[in-house]
PDB file of N, CA and C in Angstrom:
ATOM      1  N   MET A   1     -45.185-149.165  -9.391  1.00  0.00           N
ATOM      2  CA  MET A   1     -43.803-149.099  -8.782  1.00  0.00           C
ATOM      3  C   MET A   1     -43.393-147.685  -8.660  1.00  0.00           C
ATOM      4  N   LEU A   2     -42.701-147.285  -7.633  1.00  0.00           N
ATOM      5  CA  LEU A   2     -42.220-145.834  -7.434  1.00  0.00           C
ATOM      6  C   LEU A   2     -40.823-146.061  -7.167  1.00  0.00           C
ATOM      7  N   ALA A   3     -40.087-145.182  -7.861  1.00  0.00           N
ATOM      8  CA  ALA A   3     -38.585-145.346  -7.843  1.00  0.00           C
ATOM      9  C   ALA A   3     -37.937-143.993  -7.854  1.00  0.00           C
ATOM     10  N   ALA A   4     -37.076-143.599  -6.808  1.00  0.00           N
ATOM     11  CA  ALA A   4     -36.305-142.385  -6.750  1.00  0.00           C
ATOM     12  C   ALA A   4     -35.021-142.681  -7.560  1.00  0.00           C
ATOM     13  N   VAL A   5     -34.590-141.983  -8.528  1.00  0.00           N
ATOM     14  CA  VAL A   5     -33.395-142.002  -9.217  1.00  0.00           C
ATOM     15  C   VAL A   5     -32.430-140.741  -9.264  1.00  0.00           C
ATOM     16  N   LYS A   6     -31.235-140.987  -9.243  1.00  0.00           N
ATOM     17  CA  LYS A   6     -30.138-139.749  -8.999  1.00  0.00           C
ATOM     18  C   LYS A   6     -29.914-139.290 -10.546  1.00  0.00           C
ATOM     19  N   GLY A   7     -30.027-138.040 -10.762  1.00  0.00           N
ATOM     20  CA  GLY A   7     -29.467-137.629 -12.042  1.00  0.00           C
ATOM     21  C   GLY A   7     -29.254-136.145 -12.124  1.00  0.00           C
ATOM     22  N   TYR A   8     -28.814-135.746 -13.291  1.00  0.00           N
ATOM     23  CA  TYR A   8     -28.109-134.547 -13.466  1.00  0.00           C
ATOM     24  C   TYR A   8     -29.041-133.806 -14.724  1.00  0.00           C
ATOM     25  N   TYR A   9     -29.232-132.347 -14.638  1.00  0.00           N
ATOM     26  CA  TYR A   9     -29.677-131.700 -15.619  1.00  0.00           C
ATOM     27  C   TYR A   9     -28.641-131.225 -16.552  1.00  0.00           C
ATOM     28  N   ASP A  10     -28.892-131.651 -17.938  1.00  0.00           N
ATOM     29  CA  ASP A  10     -27.758-131.115 -18.929  1.00  0.00           C
ATOM     30  C   ASP A  10     -28.280-129.808 -19.687  1.00  0.00           C
ATOM     31  N   GLY A  11     -29.372-129.245 -19.081  1.00  0.00           N
ATOM     32  CA  GLY A  11     -29.792-127.931 -19.936  1.00  0.00           C
ATOM     33  C   GLY A  11     -30.909-128.151 -20.692  1.00  0.00           C
ATOM     34  N   ASN A  12     -31.310-129.500 -21.113  1.00  0.00           N
ATOM     35  CA  ASN A  12     -32.528-129.897 -21.903  1.00  0.00           C
ATOM     36  C   ASN A  12     -33.208-130.880 -21.085  1.00  0.00           C
ATOM     37  N   GLN A  13     -32.526-131.917 -20.513  1.00  0.00           N
ATOM     38  CA  GLN A  13     -33.163-133.061 -20.107  1.00  0.00           C
ATOM     39  C   GLN A  13     -32.516-133.532 -18.869  1.00  0.00           C
ATOM     40  N   ILE A  14     -32.888-134.336 -18.053  1.00  0.00           N
ATOM     41  CA  ILE A  14     -32.325-135.043 -16.749  1.00  0.00           C
ATOM     42  C   ILE A  14     -31.742-136.304 -17.334  1.00  0.00           C
ATOM     43  N   ILE A  15     -30.452-136.493 -17.050  1.00  0.00           N
ATOM     44  CA  ILE A  15     -29.717-137.618 -17.336  1.00  0.00           C
ATOM     45  C   ILE A  15     -29.571-138.508 -15.958  1.00  0.00           C
ATOM     46  N   VAL A  16     -29.959-139.728 -15.994  1.00  0.00           N
ATOM     47  CA  VAL A  16     -29.837-140.663 -14.836  1.00  0.00           C
ATOM     48  C   VAL A  16     -28.818-141.731 -15.178  1.00  0.00           C
ATOM     49  N   SER A  17     -28.259-142.225 -13.936  1.00  0.00           N
ATOM     50  CA  SER A  17     -27.165-143.109 -14.078  1.00  0.00           C
ATOM     51  C   SER A  17     -27.534-144.385 -14.964  1.00  0.00           C
ATOM     52  N   GLU A  18     -26.541-145.168 -15.447  1.00  0.00           N
ATOM     53  CA  GLU A  18     -27.040-146.278 -16.320  1.00  0.00           C
ATOM     54  C   GLU A  18     -27.688-147.352 -15.245  1.00  0.00           C
ATOM     55  N   ASP A  19     -27.122-147.495 -14.009  1.00  0.00           N
ATOM     56  CA  ASP A  19     -27.686-148.538 -13.361  1.00  0.00           C
ATOM     57  C   ASP A  19     -28.965-148.365 -12.876  1.00  0.00           C
ATOM     58  N   ASP A  20     -29.280-147.063 -12.572  1.00  0.00           N
ATOM     59  CA  ASP A  20     -30.634-146.796 -12.282  1.00  0.00           C
ATOM     60  C   ASP A  20     -31.754-146.912 -13.494  1.00  0.00           C
ATOM     61  N   ARG A  21     -31.342-146.584 -14.495  1.00  0.00           N
ATOM     62  CA  ARG A  21     -32.035-146.825 -15.738  1.00  0.00           C
ATOM     63  C   ARG A  21     -32.300-148.236 -16.024  1.00  0.00           C
ATOM     64  N   LYS A  22     -31.353-149.194 -15.811  1.00  0.00           N
ATOM     65  CA  LYS A  22     -31.687-150.496 -16.072  1.00  0.00           C
ATOM     66  C   LYS A  22     -32.910-151.212 -15.250  1.00  0.00           C
ATOM     67  N   ASN A  23     -33.093-150.473 -13.965  1.00  0.00           N
ATOM     68  CA  ASN A  23     -33.916-151.050 -12.991  1.00  0.00           C
ATOM     69  C   ASN A  23     -35.329-150.463 -13.582  1.00  0.00           C
ATOM     70  N   LEU A  24     -35.458-149.551 -14.314  1.00  0.00           N
ATOM     71  CA  LEU A  24     -36.730-148.850 -14.920  1.00  0.00           C
ATOM     72  C   LEU A  24     -37.398-149.674 -16.082  1.00  0.00           C
ATOM     73  N   SER A  25     -38.664-149.751 -16.076  1.00  0.00           N
ATOM     74  CA  SER A  25     -39.320-150.260 -17.317  1.00  0.00           C
ATOM     75  C   SER A  25     -40.142-148.947 -17.878  1.00  0.00           C
ATOM     76  N   VAL A  26     -40.587-149.174 -19.151  1.00  0.00           N
ATOM     77  CA  VAL A  26     -41.432-148.088 -19.818  1.00  0.00           C
ATOM     78  C   VAL A  26     -42.834-148.152 -19.088  1.00  0.00           C
ATOM     79  N   GLY A  27     -42.992-146.847 -18.606  1.00  0.00           N
ATOM     80  CA  GLY A  27     -44.389-146.797 -17.739  1.00  0.00           C
ATOM     81  C   GLY A  27     -44.095-146.464 -16.468  1.00  0.00           C
ATOM     82  N   ASP A  28     -42.937-146.943 -15.810  1.00  0.00           N
ATOM     83  CA  ASP A  28     -42.590-146.982 -14.280  1.00  0.00           C
ATOM     84  C   ASP A  28     -42.715-145.344 -13.929  1.00  0.00           C
ATOM     85  N   GLU A  29     -43.474-145.191 -12.829  1.00  0.00           N
ATOM     86  CA  GLU A  29     -43.406-143.832 -12.268  1.00  0.00           C
ATOM     87  C   GLU A  29     -42.305-143.637 -11.385  1.00  0.00           C
ATOM     88  N   VAL A  30     -41.553-142.473 -11.587  1.00  0.00           N
ATOM     89  CA  VAL A  30     -40.444-142.107 -10.775  1.00  0.00           C
ATOM     90  C   VAL A  30     -40.657-140.738  -9.941  1.00  0.00           C
ATOM     91  N   ILE A  31     -39.866-140.522  -9.012  1.00  0.00           N
ATOM     92  CA  ILE A  31     -39.886-139.311  -8.136  1.00  0.00           C
ATOM     93  C   ILE A  31     -38.837-138.440  -8.501  1.00  0.00           C
ATOM     94  N   ILE A  32     -38.862-137.391  -8.730  1.00  0.00           N
ATOM     95  CA  ILE A  32     -37.666-136.393  -9.107  1.00  0.00           C
ATOM     96  C   ILE A  32     -37.872-135.379  -8.154  1.00  0.00           C
ATOM     97  N   THR A  33     -36.527-135.133  -7.482  1.00  0.00           N
ATOM     98  CA  THR A  33     -36.491-134.077  -6.535  1.00  0.00           C
ATOM     99  C   THR A  33     -35.591-133.047  -7.031  1.00  0.00           C
ATOM    100  N   ILE A  34     -35.854-131.772  -7.217  1.00  0.00           N
ATOM    101  CA  ILE A  34     -34.985-130.852  -7.805  1.00  0.00           C
ATOM    102  C   ILE A  34     -34.002-130.220  -6.528  1.00  0.00           C
ATOM    103  N   LEU A  35     -32.753-130.398  -6.559  1.00  0.00           N
ATOM    104  CA  LEU A  35     -32.046-129.846  -5.431  1.00  0.00           C
ATOM    105  C   LEU A  35     -31.367-128.578  -6.122  1.00  0.00           C
ATOM    106  N   ASP A  36     -32.144-127.390  -5.745  1.00  0.00           N
ATOM    107  CA  ASP A  36     -31.540-126.177  -6.307  1.00  0.00           C
ATOM    108  C   ASP A  36     -30.267-125.751  -5.715  1.00  0.00           C
ATOM    109  N   ARG A  37     -29.364-125.574  -6.702  1.00  0.00           N
ATOM    110  CA  ARG A  37     -27.921-124.871  -6.501  1.00  0.00           C
ATOM    111  C   ARG A  37     -27.134-125.778  -5.607  1.00  0.00           C
ATOM    112  N   ILE A  38     -27.323-126.985  -5.692  1.00  0.00           N
ATOM    113  CA  ILE A  38     -26.346-128.017  -4.781  1.00  0.00           C
ATOM    114  C   ILE A  38     -24.911-127.938  -5.435  1.00  0.00           C
ATOM    115  N   SER A  39     -24.837-127.792  -6.651  1.00  0.00           N
ATOM    116  CA  SER A  39     -23.495-127.697  -7.346  1.00  0.00           C
ATOM    117  C   SER A  39     -22.693-126.234  -7.145  1.00  0.00           C
ATOM    118  N   ARG A  40     -23.375-125.347  -6.595  1.00  0.00           N
ATOM    119  CA  ARG A  40     -22.912-124.104  -6.570  1.00  0.00           C
ATOM    120  C   ARG A  40     -22.296-123.885  -5.122  1.00  0.00           C
ATOM    121  N   GLN A  41     -22.483-124.772  -4.151  1.00  0.00           N
ATOM    122  CA  GLN A  41     -22.000-124.597  -2.726  1.00  0.00           C
ATOM    123  C   GLN A  41     -20.493-124.586  -2.874  1.00  0.00           C
ATOM    124  N   LYS A  42     -19.882-123.670  -2.100  1.00  0.00           N
ATOM    125  CA  LYS A  42     -18.616-123.530  -2.079  1.00  0.00           C
ATOM    126  C   LYS A  42     -17.792-124.394  -1.078  1.00  0.00           C
ATOM    127  N   VAL A  43     -16.945-125.201  -1.455  1.00  0.00           N
ATOM    128  CA  VAL A  43     -16.150-126.116  -0.595  1.00  0.00           C
ATOM    129  C   VAL A  43     -15.032-125.359   0.076  1.00  0.00           C
ATOM    130  N   GLU A  44     -15.159-125.225   1.433  1.00  0.00           N
ATOM    131  CA  GLU A  44     -14.165-124.516   2.156  1.00  0.00           C
ATOM    132  C   GLU A  44     -12.727-125.190   2.155  1.00  0.00           C
ATOM    133  N   THR A  45     -11.807-124.533   1.908  1.00  0.00           N
ATOM    134  CA  THR A  45     -10.409-125.030   1.670  1.00  0.00           C
ATOM    135  C   THR A  45      -9.767-125.267   3.166  1.00  0.00           C
ATOM    136  N   ARG A  46      -8.774-125.959   3.284  1.00  0.00           N
ATOM    137  CA  ARG A  46      -7.943-126.061   4.652  1.00  0.00           C
ATOM    138  C   ARG A  46      -7.631-124.787   5.274  1.00  0.00           C
ATOM    139  N   ALA A  47      -7.019-123.964   4.338  1.00  0.00           N
ATOM    140  CA  ALA A  47      -6.569-122.610   4.892  1.00  0.00           C
ATOM    141  C   ALA A  47      -7.690-121.732   5.393  1.00  0.00           C
ATOM    142  N   GLU A  48      -8.839-121.866   4.573  1.00  0.00           N
ATOM    143  CA  GLU A  48     -10.021-120.893   5.196  1.00  0.00           C
ATOM    144  C   GLU A  48     -10.778-121.551   6.469  1.00  0.00           C
ATOM    145  N   LYS A  49     -10.582-122.923   6.574  1.00  0.00           N
ATOM    146  CA  LYS A  49     -11.002-123.452   7.694  1.00  0.00           C
ATOM    147  C   LYS A  49     -10.023-123.104   8.812  1.00  0.00           C
ATOM    148  N   ARG A  50      -8.793-123.019   8.653  1.00  0.00           N
ATOM    149  CA  ARG A  50      -7.839-122.619   9.713  1.00  0.00           C
ATOM    150  C   ARG A  50      -8.033-121.110  10.199  1.00  0.00           C
ATOM    151  N   ARG A  51      -8.152-120.403   9.148  1.00  0.00           N
ATOM    152  CA  ARG A  51      -8.358-118.920   9.456  1.00  0.00           C
ATOM    153  C   ARG A  51      -9.704-118.743  10.308  1.00  0.00           C
ATOM    154  N   ARG A  52     -10.692-119.563   9.997  1.00  0.00           N
ATOM    155  CA  ARG A  52     -11.935-119.272  10.626  1.00  0.00           C
ATOM    156  C   ARG A  52     -11.853-119.928  12.076  1.00  0.00           C
ATOM    157  N   LEU A  53     -10.981-120.926  12.388  1.00  0.00           N
ATOM    158  CA  LEU A  53     -10.830-121.571  13.575  1.00  0.00           C
ATOM    159  C   LEU A  53      -9.947-120.911  14.370  1.00  0.00           C
ATOM    160  N   ILE A  54      -8.961-120.166  13.874  1.00  0.00           N
ATOM    161  CA  ILE A  54      -7.701-119.589  14.806  1.00  0.00           C
ATOM    162  C   ILE A  54      -8.083-118.116  14.569  1.00  0.00           C
ATOM    163  N   GLU A  55      -8.243-117.415  15.721  1.00  0.00           N
ATOM    164  CA  GLU A  55      -8.310-115.895  15.710  1.00  0.00           C
ATOM    165  C   GLU A  55      -6.793-115.377  15.778  1.00  0.00           C
ATOM    166  N   SER A  56      -6.389-115.101  14.533  1.00  0.00           N
ATOM    167  CA  SER A  56      -5.162-114.608  14.420  1.00  0.00           C
ATOM    168  C   SER A  56      -4.859-113.208  15.099  1.00  0.00           C
ATOM    169  N   ASP A  57      -5.864-112.455  15.272  1.00  0.00           N
ATOM    170  CA  ASP A  57      -5.651-111.136  16.007  1.00  0.00           C
ATOM    171  C   ASP A  57      -5.187-111.258  17.480  1.00  0.00           C
ATOM    172  N   ALA A  58      -5.380-112.682  18.028  1.00  0.00           N
ATOM    173  CA  ALA A  58      -5.033-112.959  19.451  1.00  0.00           C
ATOM    174  C   ALA A  58      -3.491-112.872  19.593  1.00  0.00           C
ATOM    175  N   PHE A  59      -2.889-113.152  18.492  1.00  0.00           N
ATOM    176  CA  PHE A  59      -1.324-113.215  18.525  1.00  0.00           C
ATOM    177  C   PHE A  59      -0.588-112.204  17.985  1.00  0.00           C
ATOM    178  N   VAL A  60      -1.436-111.042  17.897  1.00  0.00           N
ATOM    179  CA  VAL A  60      -0.816-109.672  17.329  1.00  0.00           C
ATOM    180  C   VAL A  60      -0.726-108.674  18.486  1.00  0.00           C
ATOM    181  N   ILE A  61       0.443-108.095  18.494  1.00  0.00           N
ATOM    182  CA  ILE A  61       0.581-106.890  19.492  1.00  0.00           C
ATOM    183  C   ILE A  61       0.408-105.676  18.624  1.00  0.00           C
ATOM    184  N   PRO A  62      -0.603-104.778  19.065  1.00  0.00           N
ATOM    185  CA  PRO A  62      -0.633-103.454  18.161  1.00  0.00           C
ATOM    186  C   PRO A  62       0.381-102.649  18.484  1.00  0.00           C
ATOM    187  N   THR A  63       0.976-101.944  17.592  1.00  0.00           N
ATOM    188  CA  THR A  63       2.051-101.036  17.729  1.00  0.00           C
ATOM    189  C   THR A  63       1.650 -99.580  17.618  1.00  0.00           C
ATOM    190  N   GLY A  64       0.450 -99.385  17.218  1.00  0.00           N
ATOM    191  CA  GLY A  64       0.039 -98.026  16.997  1.00  0.00           C
ATOM    192  C   GLY A  64       0.353 -97.313  15.768  1.00  0.00           C
ATOM    193  N   ARG A  65       1.164 -98.060  14.894  1.00  0.00           N
ATOM    194  CA  ARG A  65       1.827 -97.475  13.742  1.00  0.00           C
ATOM    195  C   ARG A  65       0.587 -97.657  12.563  1.00  0.00           C
ATOM    196  N   THR A  66       0.649 -96.715  11.746  1.00  0.00           N
ATOM    197  CA  THR A  66      -0.165 -96.735  10.417  1.00  0.00           C
ATOM    198  C   THR A  66       0.214 -97.874   9.536  1.00  0.00           C
ATOM    199  N   VAL A  67      -0.417 -98.087   8.537  1.00  0.00           N
ATOM    200  CA  VAL A  67      -0.034 -99.176   7.558  1.00  0.00           C
ATOM    201  C   VAL A  67       1.031 -98.547   6.703  1.00  0.00           C
ATOM    202  N   GLU A  68       1.080 -97.211   6.490  1.00  0.00           N
ATOM    203  CA  GLU A  68       2.043 -96.499   5.631  1.00  0.00           C
ATOM    204  C   GLU A  68       3.337 -96.518   6.516  1.00  0.00           C
ATOM    205  N   ALA A  69       3.225 -96.219   7.775  1.00  0.00           N
ATOM    206  CA  ALA A  69       4.483 -96.170   8.611  1.00  0.00           C
ATOM    207  C   ALA A  69       5.122 -97.649   8.580  1.00  0.00           C
ATOM    208  N   VAL A  70       4.503 -98.581   8.727  1.00  0.00           N
ATOM    209  CA  VAL A  70       5.088 -99.963   8.627  1.00  0.00           C
ATOM    210  C   VAL A  70       5.566-100.221   7.295  1.00  0.00           C
ATOM    211  N   ASP A  71       4.966 -99.906   6.142  1.00  0.00           N
ATOM    212  CA  ASP A  71       5.539-100.127   4.849  1.00  0.00           C
ATOM    213  C   ASP A  71       6.754 -99.318   4.711  1.00  0.00           C
ATOM    214  N   GLU A  72       6.897 -98.097   5.199  1.00  0.00           N
ATOM    215  CA  GLU A  72       7.922 -97.345   4.959  1.00  0.00           C
ATOM    216  C   GLU A  72       9.082 -97.953   5.753  1.00  0.00           C
ATOM    217  N   TYR A  73       8.772 -98.560   7.028  1.00  0.00           N
ATOM    218  CA  TYR A  73       9.870 -99.112   8.018  1.00  0.00           C
ATOM    219  C   TYR A  73      10.333-100.377   7.213  1.00  0.00           C
ATOM    220  N   ILE A  74       9.452-101.268   6.581  1.00  0.00           N
ATOM    221  CA  ILE A  74       9.919-102.394   5.909  1.00  0.00           C
ATOM    222  C   ILE A  74      10.882-102.014   4.679  1.00  0.00           C
ATOM    223  N   LYS A  75      10.533-100.846   4.034  1.00  0.00           N
ATOM    224  CA  LYS A  75      11.164-100.370   2.812  1.00  0.00           C
ATOM    225  C   LYS A  75      12.552-100.061   3.083  1.00  0.00           C
ATOM    226  N   GLU A  76      12.714 -99.241   4.450  1.00  0.00           N
ATOM    227  CA  GLU A  76      14.107 -98.922   4.786  1.00  0.00           C
ATOM    228  C   GLU A  76      14.929-100.124   5.240  1.00  0.00           C
ATOM    229  N   LEU A  77      14.107-101.118   5.982  1.00  0.00           N
ATOM    230  CA  LEU A  77      15.019-102.224   6.129  1.00  0.00           C
ATOM    231  C   LEU A  77      15.515-102.958   4.911  1.00  0.00           C
ATOM    232  N   ARG A  78      14.834-103.110   3.931  1.00  0.00           N
ATOM    233  CA  ARG A  78      15.195-103.620   2.617  1.00  0.00           C
ATOM    234  C   ARG A  78      16.165-102.883   1.991  1.00  0.00           C
ATOM    235  N   ASP A  79      16.010-101.446   1.983  1.00  0.00           N
ATOM    236  CA  ASP A  79      16.962-100.588   1.272  1.00  0.00           C
ATOM    237  C   ASP A  79      18.550-100.656   1.795  1.00  0.00           C
ATOM    238  N   ASN A  80      18.390-100.925   3.233  1.00  0.00           N
ATOM    239  CA  ASN A  80      19.730-100.805   3.951  1.00  0.00           C
ATOM    240  C   ASN A  80      20.261-102.148   4.204  1.00  0.00           C
ATOM    241  N   ASP A  81      19.826-103.272   3.774  1.00  0.00           N
ATOM    242  CA  ASP A  81      20.437-104.479   3.892  1.00  0.00           C
ATOM    243  C   ASP A  81      21.455-105.128   2.908  1.00  0.00           C
ATOM    244  N   ARG A  82      21.546-104.130   2.001  1.00  0.00           N
ATOM    245  CA  ARG A  82      22.740-104.597   0.915  1.00  0.00           C
ATOM    246  C   ARG A  82      23.801-103.494   0.979  1.00  0.00           C
ATOM    247  N   PHE A  83      24.996-103.981   0.567  1.00  0.00           N
ATOM    248  CA  PHE A  83      26.152-102.912   0.611  1.00  0.00           C
ATOM    249  C   PHE A  83      26.480-102.641  -0.743  1.00  0.00           C
TER     250      PHE A  83
END
């Protein structure tokens, strides 16, 4: 008998699910496939997907100002909005 089972490596041994283990007998031959770094794959969030799909630079009109000039302009607006 050949069987493929799903399991997890806990650092010392491979742990298989209880349902798979019940189908095996002592001496049965199993096939184990090592999936390297499957748990380390990064899942893309909705915001990251949107950023990737929408080119935000298409909606920006460049003013030619530097970042410092824009920061100074915003600071002046905030300083002058209170009496």
